[in-house]
Amino acid sequence: MEDLSGNEDEEGKVIHIVNRTYTIPYLAAIRDNGENMVVKDEGKEFRIYYVQELGRKMQLLLKCTVRE
């Protein structure tokens, strides 16, 4: 897991956005449908918005985000 946090100003309100990447073992189901899934970590649900295959069927890099 790598934490890539940031802030966003929306109509005068500061919203904290947490972006993370997770590297996991390769699973075909996640490679094919990951954008419809979430990662549950530290009591939060991170929406997966991108799945990248690392190596040939070795690992997957999941790019995730959650708004707080």
C-alpha atoms as a PDB file:
ATOM      1  CA  MET A   1       0.000   0.000   0.000  1.00  0.00           C
ATOM      2  CA  GLU A   2       1.210   3.482  -0.873  1.00  0.00           C
ATOM      3  CA  ASP A   3      -0.676   6.528   0.416  1.00  0.00           C
ATOM      4  CA  LEU A   4      -1.028   9.440  -2.060  1.00  0.00           C
ATOM      5  CA  SER A   5      -3.349  11.855  -0.187  1.00  0.00           C
ATOM      6  CA  GLY A   6      -4.590  15.247  -1.267  1.00  0.00           C
ATOM      7  CA  ASN A   7      -7.168  17.968  -0.626  1.00  0.00           C
ATOM      8  CA  GLU A   8      -9.836  19.465  -2.835  1.00  0.00           C
ATOM      9  CA  ASP A   9     -11.781  22.698  -2.418  1.00  0.00           C
ATOM     10  CA  GLU A  10     -15.425  22.213  -3.358  1.00  0.00           C
ATOM     11  CA  GLU A  11     -17.750  25.234  -3.017  1.00  0.00           C
ATOM     12  CA  GLY A  12     -15.699  26.716  -0.179  1.00  0.00           C
ATOM     13  CA  LYS A  13     -15.435  23.400   1.684  1.00  0.00           C
ATOM     14  CA  VAL A  14     -12.185  21.521   1.989  1.00  0.00           C
ATOM     15  CA  ILE A  15     -12.672  17.835   1.238  1.00  0.00           C
ATOM     16  CA  HIS A  16      -9.900  15.395   2.046  1.00  0.00           C
ATOM     17  CA  ILE A  17      -9.291  12.876  -0.744  1.00  0.00           C
ATOM     18  CA  VAL A  18      -7.213   9.807  -0.001  1.00  0.00           C
ATOM     19  CA  ASN A  19      -5.583   8.146  -3.001  1.00  0.00           C
ATOM     20  CA  ARG A  20      -3.809   4.854  -2.472  1.00  0.00           C
ATOM     21  CA  THR A  21      -2.208   2.166  -4.531  1.00  0.00           C
ATOM     22  CA  TYR A  22      -2.215  -1.474  -3.514  1.00  0.00           C
ATOM     23  CA  THR A  23      -0.066  -4.193  -5.049  1.00  0.00           C
ATOM     24  CA  ILE A  24      -1.694  -7.615  -4.774  1.00  0.00           C
ATOM     25  CA  PRO A  25      -1.134 -11.096  -6.219  1.00  0.00           C
ATOM     26  CA  TYR A  26      -2.674 -11.599  -9.665  1.00  0.00           C
ATOM     27  CA  LEU A  27      -6.356 -12.595  -9.727  1.00  0.00           C
ATOM     28  CA  ALA A  28      -8.159 -12.721 -13.077  1.00  0.00           C
ATOM     29  CA  ALA A  29     -11.508 -11.714 -11.511  1.00  0.00           C
ATOM     30  CA  ILE A  30     -10.000  -8.501 -10.135  1.00  0.00           C
ATOM     31  CA  ARG A  31      -8.147  -7.770 -13.391  1.00  0.00           C
ATOM     32  CA  ASP A  32     -11.420  -8.101 -15.328  1.00  0.00           C
ATOM     33  CA  ASN A  33     -13.862  -6.420 -12.898  1.00  0.00           C
ATOM     34  CA  GLY A  34     -11.725  -4.409 -10.478  1.00  0.00           C
ATOM     35  CA  GLU A  35     -13.246  -1.048 -11.423  1.00  0.00           C
ATOM     36  CA  ASN A  36     -16.561  -2.334  -9.981  1.00  0.00           C
ATOM     37  CA  MET A  37     -14.972  -3.337  -6.659  1.00  0.00           C
ATOM     38  CA  VAL A  38     -13.763  -1.706  -3.455  1.00  0.00           C
ATOM     39  CA  VAL A  39     -10.843  -2.361  -1.106  1.00  0.00           C
ATOM     40  CA  LYS A  40     -11.756  -2.350   2.584  1.00  0.00           C
ATOM     41  CA  ASP A  41      -8.863  -1.034   4.681  1.00  0.00           C
ATOM     42  CA  GLU A  42      -8.735   0.708   8.067  1.00  0.00           C
ATOM     43  CA  GLY A  43     -12.544   0.742   8.275  1.00  0.00           C
ATOM     44  CA  LYS A  44     -12.898   2.617   4.959  1.00  0.00           C
ATOM     45  CA  GLU A  45     -13.988   1.517   1.510  1.00  0.00           C
ATOM     46  CA  PHE A  46     -11.599   2.606  -1.244  1.00  0.00           C
ATOM     47  CA  ARG A  47     -13.125   2.611  -4.736  1.00  0.00           C
ATOM     48  CA  ILE A  48     -10.835   1.001  -7.318  1.00  0.00           C
ATOM     49  CA  TYR A  49     -10.628   3.251 -10.376  1.00  0.00           C
ATOM     50  CA  TYR A  50      -7.747   1.555 -12.242  1.00  0.00           C
ATOM     51  CA  VAL A  51      -6.224  -1.927 -12.387  1.00  0.00           C
ATOM     52  CA  GLN A  52      -2.781  -2.431 -13.935  1.00  0.00           C
ATOM     53  CA  GLU A  53      -1.158  -5.813 -14.531  1.00  0.00           C
ATOM     54  CA  LEU A  54       2.458  -6.004 -13.337  1.00  0.00           C
ATOM     55  CA  GLY A  55       4.390  -8.733 -15.115  1.00  0.00           C
ATOM     56  CA  ARG A  56       2.604 -11.506 -16.932  1.00  0.00           C
ATOM     57  CA  LYS A  57      -0.009 -12.743 -14.454  1.00  0.00           C
ATOM     58  CA  MET A  58       2.278 -11.922 -11.526  1.00  0.00           C
ATOM     59  CA  GLN A  59       0.730  -8.980  -9.639  1.00  0.00           C
ATOM     60  CA  LEU A  60      -1.906  -6.278  -9.958  1.00  0.00           C
ATOM     61  CA  LEU A  61      -1.553  -2.610  -9.064  1.00  0.00           C
ATOM     62  CA  LEU A  62      -4.858  -1.193  -7.804  1.00  0.00           C
ATOM     63  CA  LYS A  63      -5.314   2.581  -7.826  1.00  0.00           C
ATOM     64  CA  CYS A  64      -7.993   3.553  -5.305  1.00  0.00           C
ATOM     65  CA  THR A  65      -9.625   6.646  -3.856  1.00  0.00           C
ATOM     66  CA  VAL A  66     -11.987   7.641  -1.036  1.00  0.00           C
ATOM     67  CA  ARG A  67     -13.449  11.034  -0.151  1.00  0.00           C
ATOM     68  CA  GLU A  68     -13.665  12.070   3.491  1.00  0.00           C
END
